[in-house]
């Protein structure tokens, strides 16, 4: 049985996922999540995901941004011992953050497909956090099974996108769950139709 691969992230109405936490992440209009009025219930999806997550997956840049911040963070304590996969052709074992649980480097999309196949049947859901370039590449390869999106009431016009952007055949999604919150954020959980 194949493992489910889920991309989860914050997105603007125009599909941008770039720099939700601040300008320091690279986009000149970064920080759009933090500038949205706070509604704790809008972030309940992130807590729900913890129960499903058997492995975390990151692209190199997201790993380099998240690992030092999340390792030892009280806000991310639930992620501490969850196994991690980093998809990178350039990262070395010496670049991995010590003390943040078991971490393995995958070198290619084919490596991700192999992990997803789970020939031993002992894996669970793999959640990709951030990692826009990786998400697009895996979406283009039809490896992503579900999208967990918190859609924010803002547009940025330009920036990184996580959904496939290449010429490809139509791919249908089925809405699994939705909710809207007083601050304008909308939770959208879509399964990819196979």
C-alpha atoms as a PDB file:
ATOM      1  CA  UNK A   1       0.000   0.000   0.000  1.00  0.00           C
ATOM      2  CA  UNK A   2       1.383   3.413  -0.975  1.00  0.00           C
ATOM      3  CA  UNK A   3       1.971   6.098   1.583  1.00  0.00           C
ATOM      4  CA  UNK A   4      -0.116   9.257   1.269  1.00  0.00           C
ATOM      5  CA  UNK A   5       1.898  12.349   0.316  1.00  0.00           C
ATOM      6  CA  UNK A   6       0.326  15.603   1.519  1.00  0.00           C
ATOM      7  CA  UNK A   7       1.410  19.165   0.767  1.00  0.00           C
ATOM      8  CA  UNK A   8       0.381  21.548   3.516  1.00  0.00           C
ATOM      9  CA  UNK A   9       0.835  25.272   3.550  1.00  0.00           C
ATOM     10  CA  UNK A  10      -0.391  28.826   3.656  1.00  0.00           C
ATOM     11  CA  UNK A  11      -1.476  30.363   0.345  1.00  0.00           C
ATOM     12  CA  UNK A  12      -2.766  33.736  -0.840  1.00  0.00           C
ATOM     13  CA  UNK A  13      -5.898  33.989  -2.943  1.00  0.00           C
ATOM     14  CA  UNK A  14      -3.748  34.253  -6.089  1.00  0.00           C
ATOM     15  CA  UNK A  15      -1.831  31.066  -5.264  1.00  0.00           C
ATOM     16  CA  UNK A  16       1.355  32.553  -3.800  1.00  0.00           C
ATOM     17  CA  UNK A  17       3.030  30.665  -0.942  1.00  0.00           C
ATOM     18  CA  UNK A  18       6.136  32.839  -0.772  1.00  0.00           C
ATOM     19  CA  UNK A  19       7.369  34.228   2.571  1.00  0.00           C
ATOM     20  CA  UNK A  20       4.255  33.870   4.753  1.00  0.00           C
ATOM     21  CA  UNK A  21       6.230  34.531   7.934  1.00  0.00           C
ATOM     22  CA  UNK A  22       8.171  37.636   6.950  1.00  0.00           C
ATOM     23  CA  UNK A  23      10.256  39.641   4.509  1.00  0.00           C
ATOM     24  CA  UNK A  24      13.365  37.875   5.807  1.00  0.00           C
ATOM     25  CA  UNK A  25      12.157  34.803   3.870  1.00  0.00           C
ATOM     26  CA  UNK A  26      12.696  36.644   0.585  1.00  0.00           C
ATOM     27  CA  UNK A  27       9.474  38.217  -0.743  1.00  0.00           C
ATOM     28  CA  UNK A  28       9.254  42.034  -0.370  1.00  0.00           C
ATOM     29  CA  UNK A  29       5.648  41.671   0.817  1.00  0.00           C
ATOM     30  CA  UNK A  30       6.414  38.763   3.134  1.00  0.00           C
ATOM     31  CA  UNK A  31       4.670  38.315   6.464  1.00  0.00           C
ATOM     32  CA  UNK A  32       1.145  38.170   5.084  1.00  0.00           C
ATOM     33  CA  UNK A  33       0.173  35.399   7.546  1.00  0.00           C
ATOM     34  CA  UNK A  34       1.317  37.451  10.526  1.00  0.00           C
ATOM     35  CA  UNK A  35      -0.421  40.601   9.263  1.00  0.00           C
ATOM     36  CA  UNK A  36      -3.785  38.804   9.012  1.00  0.00           C
ATOM     37  CA  UNK A  37      -5.912  39.312  12.141  1.00  0.00           C
ATOM     38  CA  UNK A  38      -5.385  36.418  14.547  1.00  0.00           C
ATOM     39  CA  UNK A  39      -8.033  33.701  14.793  1.00  0.00           C
ATOM     40  CA  UNK A  40      -6.515  30.663  16.557  1.00  0.00           C
ATOM     41  CA  UNK A  41      -9.224  28.347  15.232  1.00  0.00           C
ATOM     42  CA  UNK A  42      -8.004  29.085  11.695  1.00  0.00           C
ATOM     43  CA  UNK A  43      -4.796  27.246  12.518  1.00  0.00           C
ATOM     44  CA  UNK A  44      -6.499  24.142  13.944  1.00  0.00           C
ATOM     45  CA  UNK A  45      -5.576  22.302  10.716  1.00  0.00           C
ATOM     46  CA  UNK A  46      -1.919  22.371  11.743  1.00  0.00           C
ATOM     47  CA  UNK A  47      -2.742  20.637  15.031  1.00  0.00           C
ATOM     48  CA  UNK A  48      -4.917  18.065  13.253  1.00  0.00           C
ATOM     49  CA  UNK A  49      -2.074  17.224  10.892  1.00  0.00           C
ATOM     50  CA  UNK A  50       0.237  16.178  13.726  1.00  0.00           C
ATOM     51  CA  UNK A  51      -1.894  13.115  14.471  1.00  0.00           C
ATOM     52  CA  UNK A  52      -1.582  11.992  10.826  1.00  0.00           C
ATOM     53  CA  UNK A  53       2.070  12.768  10.257  1.00  0.00           C
ATOM     54  CA  UNK A  54       4.460   9.837  10.257  1.00  0.00           C
ATOM     55  CA  UNK A  55       7.195  11.666   8.327  1.00  0.00           C
ATOM     56  CA  UNK A  56       7.987  15.286   7.481  1.00  0.00           C
ATOM     57  CA  UNK A  57       9.392  16.170   4.053  1.00  0.00           C
ATOM     58  CA  UNK A  58      11.179  19.344   3.017  1.00  0.00           C
ATOM     59  CA  UNK A  59      13.054  20.749   0.084  1.00  0.00           C
ATOM     60  CA  UNK A  60      16.571  21.958   0.891  1.00  0.00           C
ATOM     61  CA  UNK A  61      15.736  25.651   1.348  1.00  0.00           C
ATOM     62  CA  UNK A  62      12.713  24.989   3.564  1.00  0.00           C
ATOM     63  CA  UNK A  63      14.726  22.520   5.626  1.00  0.00           C
ATOM     64  CA  UNK A  64      17.496  25.084   6.085  1.00  0.00           C
ATOM     65  CA  UNK A  65      14.895  27.668   7.180  1.00  0.00           C
ATOM     66  CA  UNK A  66      12.728  25.442   9.400  1.00  0.00           C
ATOM     67  CA  UNK A  67      15.200  23.048  11.047  1.00  0.00           C
ATOM     68  CA  UNK A  68      17.124  25.607  13.124  1.00  0.00           C
ATOM     69  CA  UNK A  69      13.870  27.333  14.164  1.00  0.00           C
ATOM     70  CA  UNK A  70      11.731  24.251  14.851  1.00  0.00           C
ATOM     71  CA  UNK A  71      14.414  22.138  16.542  1.00  0.00           C
ATOM     72  CA  UNK A  72      13.866  22.618  20.267  1.00  0.00           C
ATOM     73  CA  UNK A  73      10.992  25.098  19.745  1.00  0.00           C
ATOM     74  CA  UNK A  74       8.119  24.651  22.206  1.00  0.00           C
ATOM     75  CA  UNK A  75       5.685  25.615  19.410  1.00  0.00           C
ATOM     76  CA  UNK A  76       6.981  22.750  17.255  1.00  0.00           C
ATOM     77  CA  UNK A  77       7.763  20.160  19.936  1.00  0.00           C
ATOM     78  CA  UNK A  78       5.432  17.626  18.298  1.00  0.00           C
ATOM     79  CA  UNK A  79       7.716  17.578  15.244  1.00  0.00           C
ATOM     80  CA  UNK A  80      10.883  16.904  17.249  1.00  0.00           C
ATOM     81  CA  UNK A  81      11.019  13.116  16.981  1.00  0.00           C
ATOM     82  CA  UNK A  82       9.076  12.624  13.747  1.00  0.00           C
ATOM     83  CA  UNK A  83      11.392  11.263  11.014  1.00  0.00           C
ATOM     84  CA  UNK A  84      12.350  13.807   8.367  1.00  0.00           C
ATOM     85  CA  UNK A  85      13.147  13.527   4.667  1.00  0.00           C
ATOM     86  CA  UNK A  86      14.998  16.289   2.831  1.00  0.00           C
ATOM     87  CA  UNK A  87      14.903  16.231  -0.955  1.00  0.00           C
ATOM     88  CA  UNK A  88      18.114  17.799  -2.235  1.00  0.00           C
ATOM     89  CA  UNK A  89      20.790  17.087  -4.790  1.00  0.00           C
ATOM     90  CA  UNK A  90      23.290  19.342  -2.991  1.00  0.00           C
ATOM     91  CA  UNK A  91      22.771  18.915   0.772  1.00  0.00           C
ATOM     92  CA  UNK A  92      25.347  16.790   2.615  1.00  0.00           C
ATOM     93  CA  UNK A  93      24.897  14.737   5.778  1.00  0.00           C
ATOM     94  CA  UNK A  94      27.142  17.275   7.556  1.00  0.00           C
ATOM     95  CA  UNK A  95      24.536  19.994   6.775  1.00  0.00           C
ATOM     96  CA  UNK A  96      21.784  18.263   8.761  1.00  0.00           C
ATOM     97  CA  UNK A  97      20.707  19.781  12.079  1.00  0.00           C
ATOM     98  CA  UNK A  98      21.788  17.674  15.065  1.00  0.00           C
ATOM     99  CA  UNK A  99      19.183  16.570  17.574  1.00  0.00           C
ATOM    100  CA  UNK A 100      16.103  17.027  15.380  1.00  0.00           C
ATOM    101  CA  UNK A 101      15.185  13.374  15.020  1.00  0.00           C
ATOM    102  CA  UNK A 102      16.069  10.895  12.304  1.00  0.00           C
ATOM    103  CA  UNK A 103      16.729  12.732   9.029  1.00  0.00           C
ATOM    104  CA  UNK A 104      17.436  11.198   5.645  1.00  0.00           C
ATOM    105  CA  UNK A 105      18.377  12.890   2.378  1.00  0.00           C
ATOM    106  CA  UNK A 106      16.614  11.908  -0.845  1.00  0.00           C
ATOM    107  CA  UNK A 107      18.298  12.946  -4.082  1.00  0.00           C
ATOM    108  CA  UNK A 108      15.501  12.868  -6.667  1.00  0.00           C
ATOM    109  CA  UNK A 109      11.818  12.699  -7.498  1.00  0.00           C
ATOM    110  CA  UNK A 110      12.362   8.994  -8.154  1.00  0.00           C
ATOM    111  CA  UNK A 111      13.633   8.576  -4.583  1.00  0.00           C
ATOM    112  CA  UNK A 112      10.432  10.218  -3.314  1.00  0.00           C
ATOM    113  CA  UNK A 113       8.336   7.846  -5.452  1.00  0.00           C
ATOM    114  CA  UNK A 114      10.227   4.898  -3.963  1.00  0.00           C
ATOM    115  CA  UNK A 115       9.619   6.038  -0.367  1.00  0.00           C
ATOM    116  CA  UNK A 116       5.956   6.649  -1.209  1.00  0.00           C
ATOM    117  CA  UNK A 117       5.512   3.113  -2.554  1.00  0.00           C
ATOM    118  CA  UNK A 118       6.200   1.755   0.953  1.00  0.00           C
ATOM    119  CA  UNK A 119       6.801  -1.845  -0.048  1.00  0.00           C
ATOM    120  CA  UNK A 120       6.912  -2.902   3.613  1.00  0.00           C
ATOM    121  CA  UNK A 121       3.518  -1.395   4.460  1.00  0.00           C
ATOM    122  CA  UNK A 122       4.746   0.192   7.697  1.00  0.00           C
ATOM    123  CA  UNK A 123       4.651   3.875   6.763  1.00  0.00           C
ATOM    124  CA  UNK A 124       1.986   6.491   7.205  1.00  0.00           C
ATOM    125  CA  UNK A 125       1.298   9.909   5.757  1.00  0.00           C
ATOM    126  CA  UNK A 126       4.221  12.078   4.664  1.00  0.00           C
ATOM    127  CA  UNK A 127       3.604  15.818   5.042  1.00  0.00           C
ATOM    128  CA  UNK A 128       5.505  18.372   2.957  1.00  0.00           C
ATOM    129  CA  UNK A 129       5.748  21.741   4.719  1.00  0.00           C
ATOM    130  CA  UNK A 130       6.448  24.817   2.606  1.00  0.00           C
ATOM    131  CA  UNK A 131       8.911  23.689  -0.056  1.00  0.00           C
ATOM    132  CA  UNK A 132       7.136  25.298  -3.025  1.00  0.00           C
ATOM    133  CA  UNK A 133       9.589  24.126  -5.677  1.00  0.00           C
ATOM    134  CA  UNK A 134       9.525  20.553  -4.362  1.00  0.00           C
ATOM    135  CA  UNK A 135       5.707  20.573  -4.163  1.00  0.00           C
ATOM    136  CA  UNK A 136       5.423  21.755  -7.774  1.00  0.00           C
ATOM    137  CA  UNK A 137       7.872  19.116  -8.973  1.00  0.00           C
ATOM    138  CA  UNK A 138       6.110  16.313  -7.074  1.00  0.00           C
ATOM    139  CA  UNK A 139       2.700  17.578  -8.211  1.00  0.00           C
ATOM    140  CA  UNK A 140       3.903  17.579 -11.818  1.00  0.00           C
ATOM    141  CA  UNK A 141       5.051  13.973 -11.287  1.00  0.00           C
ATOM    142  CA  UNK A 142       1.570  13.107  -9.902  1.00  0.00           C
ATOM    143  CA  UNK A 143       3.009  12.046  -6.548  1.00  0.00           C
ATOM    144  CA  UNK A 144       0.978  14.354  -4.281  1.00  0.00           C
ATOM    145  CA  UNK A 145      -2.250  12.781  -2.986  1.00  0.00           C
ATOM    146  CA  UNK A 146      -3.708  15.638  -0.961  1.00  0.00           C
ATOM    147  CA  UNK A 147      -3.428  19.391  -0.531  1.00  0.00           C
ATOM    148  CA  UNK A 148      -4.095  20.916   2.915  1.00  0.00           C
ATOM    149  CA  UNK A 149      -4.365  24.658   2.282  1.00  0.00           C
ATOM    150  CA  UNK A 150      -5.032  27.600   4.532  1.00  0.00           C
ATOM    151  CA  UNK A 151      -6.092  30.269   2.017  1.00  0.00           C
ATOM    152  CA  UNK A 152      -5.433  33.839   3.165  1.00  0.00           C
ATOM    153  CA  UNK A 153      -7.429  36.893   2.050  1.00  0.00           C
ATOM    154  CA  UNK A 154      -4.567  38.635   0.276  1.00  0.00           C
ATOM    155  CA  UNK A 155      -3.016  38.801  -3.184  1.00  0.00           C
ATOM    156  CA  UNK A 156       0.685  39.338  -3.905  1.00  0.00           C
ATOM    157  CA  UNK A 157       0.783  39.053  -7.690  1.00  0.00           C
ATOM    158  CA  UNK A 158       4.191  37.443  -7.895  1.00  0.00           C
ATOM    159  CA  UNK A 159       6.116  34.910  -5.877  1.00  0.00           C
ATOM    160  CA  UNK A 160       6.562  31.198  -5.390  1.00  0.00           C
ATOM    161  CA  UNK A 161       3.701  28.849  -6.135  1.00  0.00           C
ATOM    162  CA  UNK A 162       3.308  25.294  -4.816  1.00  0.00           C
ATOM    163  CA  UNK A 163       0.730  23.975  -7.259  1.00  0.00           C
ATOM    164  CA  UNK A 164       1.828  22.496 -10.596  1.00  0.00           C
ATOM    165  CA  UNK A 165       2.490  25.131 -13.252  1.00  0.00           C
ATOM    166  CA  UNK A 166       3.724  23.026 -16.173  1.00  0.00           C
ATOM    167  CA  UNK A 167       1.700  22.055 -19.214  1.00  0.00           C
ATOM    168  CA  UNK A 168      -0.069  18.896 -18.215  1.00  0.00           C
ATOM    169  CA  UNK A 169      -3.350  17.110 -18.536  1.00  0.00           C
ATOM    170  CA  UNK A 170      -6.200  18.207 -16.303  1.00  0.00           C
ATOM    171  CA  UNK A 171      -5.995  16.867 -12.775  1.00  0.00           C
ATOM    172  CA  UNK A 172      -9.224  16.810 -10.766  1.00  0.00           C
ATOM    173  CA  UNK A 173      -9.456  17.247  -7.015  1.00  0.00           C
ATOM    174  CA  UNK A 174     -12.197  16.260  -4.591  1.00  0.00           C
ATOM    175  CA  UNK A 175     -13.019  18.548  -1.687  1.00  0.00           C
ATOM    176  CA  UNK A 176     -12.603  16.565   1.530  1.00  0.00           C
ATOM    177  CA  UNK A 177     -13.113  19.364   4.022  1.00  0.00           C
ATOM    178  CA  UNK A 178     -13.589  23.099   4.181  1.00  0.00           C
ATOM    179  CA  UNK A 179     -14.141  25.741   6.848  1.00  0.00           C
ATOM    180  CA  UNK A 180     -14.042  29.517   6.927  1.00  0.00           C
ATOM    181  CA  UNK A 181     -13.030  31.754   9.789  1.00  0.00           C
ATOM    182  CA  UNK A 182     -13.850  35.275  10.981  1.00  0.00           C
ATOM    183  CA  UNK A 183     -10.449  36.603   9.853  1.00  0.00           C
ATOM    184  CA  UNK A 184     -11.186  35.618   6.234  1.00  0.00           C
ATOM    185  CA  UNK A 185      -8.934  32.533   6.180  1.00  0.00           C
ATOM    186  CA  UNK A 186     -10.441  29.471   4.495  1.00  0.00           C
ATOM    187  CA  UNK A 187      -9.374  25.881   5.148  1.00  0.00           C
ATOM    188  CA  UNK A 188      -9.398  23.744   2.002  1.00  0.00           C
ATOM    189  CA  UNK A 189      -8.496  20.055   2.042  1.00  0.00           C
ATOM    190  CA  UNK A 190      -8.455  18.442  -1.406  1.00  0.00           C
ATOM    191  CA  UNK A 191      -7.757  14.842  -2.438  1.00  0.00           C
ATOM    192  CA  UNK A 192      -6.222  14.282  -5.871  1.00  0.00           C
ATOM    193  CA  UNK A 193      -8.533  12.098  -7.943  1.00  0.00           C
ATOM    194  CA  UNK A 194      -6.758   8.979  -9.237  1.00  0.00           C
END
